Protein backbone atom coordinates (compact mmCIF):
# COMPACT_ATOMS: atom_id res chain seq x y z
CA MET A 1 -13.60 23.37 -19.70
CA ALA A 2 -13.98 22.59 -16.19
CA LEU A 3 -16.82 22.03 -14.19
CA PHE A 4 -15.93 22.30 -10.13
CA THR A 5 -18.54 21.01 -8.20
CA TYR A 6 -17.60 21.36 -4.20
CA GLU A 7 -19.35 18.71 -1.78
CA ASP A 8 -18.01 18.31 1.54
CA THR A 9 -18.44 15.18 2.22
CA TYR A 10 -16.82 13.09 4.80
CA GLY A 11 -14.34 15.74 6.29
CA PHE A 12 -12.88 16.72 2.64
CA MET A 13 -13.50 18.48 -0.15
CA GLN A 14 -14.04 17.04 -3.87
CA HIS A 15 -14.02 19.45 -6.55
CA LYS A 16 -15.55 18.01 -9.96
CA LEU A 17 -13.21 17.81 -13.14
CA THR A 18 -14.77 17.90 -17.08
CA ILE A 19 -12.32 17.09 -19.68
CA SER A 20 -11.13 15.79 -22.91
CA ILE A 21 -10.08 12.85 -24.08
CA ASP A 22 -9.05 10.24 -26.68
CA GLY A 23 -12.45 8.38 -27.07
CA ASP A 24 -10.02 5.28 -27.70
CA VAL A 25 -8.74 6.11 -24.48
CA TYR A 26 -12.52 6.69 -22.53
CA HIS A 27 -13.79 2.96 -24.00
CA GLY A 28 -10.32 0.96 -22.59
CA LEU A 29 -11.32 3.14 -19.22
CA HIS A 30 -14.89 2.11 -19.46
CA ALA A 31 -14.22 -1.81 -20.84
CA LEU A 32 -11.36 -2.00 -18.25
CA ILE A 33 -12.23 0.30 -14.58
CA GLY A 34 -15.91 0.59 -15.68
CA ARG A 35 -18.30 2.93 -15.81
CA GLY A 36 -18.77 4.64 -12.24
CA ASN A 37 -14.95 4.55 -11.19
CA ILE A 38 -12.86 5.87 -14.12
CA GLY A 39 -12.49 9.33 -11.58
CA ARG A 40 -11.43 7.16 -8.90
CA PHE A 41 -9.03 4.91 -10.85
CA LEU A 42 -7.22 8.89 -12.00
CA GLU A 43 -6.85 10.17 -8.98
CA ASN A 44 -5.38 6.98 -7.70
CA LEU A 45 -3.06 7.21 -10.40
CA ALA A 46 -2.56 11.08 -10.23
CA ARG A 47 -2.16 11.20 -6.80
CA PRO A 48 1.97 10.36 -6.70
CA PHE A 49 2.72 12.70 -8.94
CA VAL A 50 1.22 15.76 -7.45
CA CYS A 51 0.87 14.99 -3.97
CA ASP A 52 4.02 14.49 -2.45
CA ASP A 53 2.37 14.17 1.66
CA ALA A 54 2.39 10.18 1.51
CA LEU A 55 6.11 10.18 -0.26
CA ALA A 56 7.07 12.60 2.76
CA ALA A 57 6.06 10.91 5.89
CA GLY A 58 7.56 7.12 4.38
CA TYR A 59 10.44 9.62 4.83
CA ARG A 60 9.82 11.34 8.28
CA ALA A 61 8.74 7.81 9.58
CA MET A 62 11.33 6.25 7.81
CA THR A 63 14.70 8.73 9.32
CA ALA A 64 12.84 8.98 13.26
CA ASP A 65 13.11 4.79 13.22
CA GLU A 66 17.01 4.63 14.95
CA ARG A 67 17.03 1.48 14.87
CA ARG A 68 16.74 1.28 11.31
CA GLU A 69 19.08 3.85 10.53
CA ALA A 70 21.76 2.60 12.72
CA GLU A 71 21.53 -0.23 10.53
CA ALA A 72 21.03 1.32 7.49
CA ASP A 73 24.77 3.64 8.46
CA ALA A 74 26.61 0.61 9.30
CA TRP A 75 25.45 -0.97 6.22
CA SER A 76 26.98 1.80 3.82
CA GLU A 77 30.06 2.58 6.03
CA ALA A 78 30.83 -1.30 5.28
CA HIS A 79 30.93 -1.01 1.91
CA LEU A 80 32.74 2.50 1.39
CA PRO A 81 35.83 0.34 1.34
CA ASP A 82 34.07 -1.46 -1.56
CA VAL A 83 34.66 1.98 -3.56
CA PRO A 84 37.78 2.81 -5.65
CA ASP A 85 38.79 7.03 -4.09
CA ASP A 86 38.94 7.81 -8.02
CA GLU A 87 37.06 7.87 -10.88
CA SER A 88 38.56 4.91 -12.48
CA TRP A 89 35.76 2.94 -11.36
């Protein structure tokens, strides 16, 4: 069962979600994270797995850095001779 509450706060939409978890997990979260912070903790934990915006932005920023890309190319080209052409490795 999910309960959704829409609040427009700071220009983004927040949703309230009701989940069922094991009592031991809840008590552990409550003891470690604190009652008022469990939602934020779970959101921060899940975000990298469900939102790829930050990862994609990071990759775009790295490829836009031409000096870094040139250094990475030079490094990989310098190490290619270390790998044998056949599959003996």
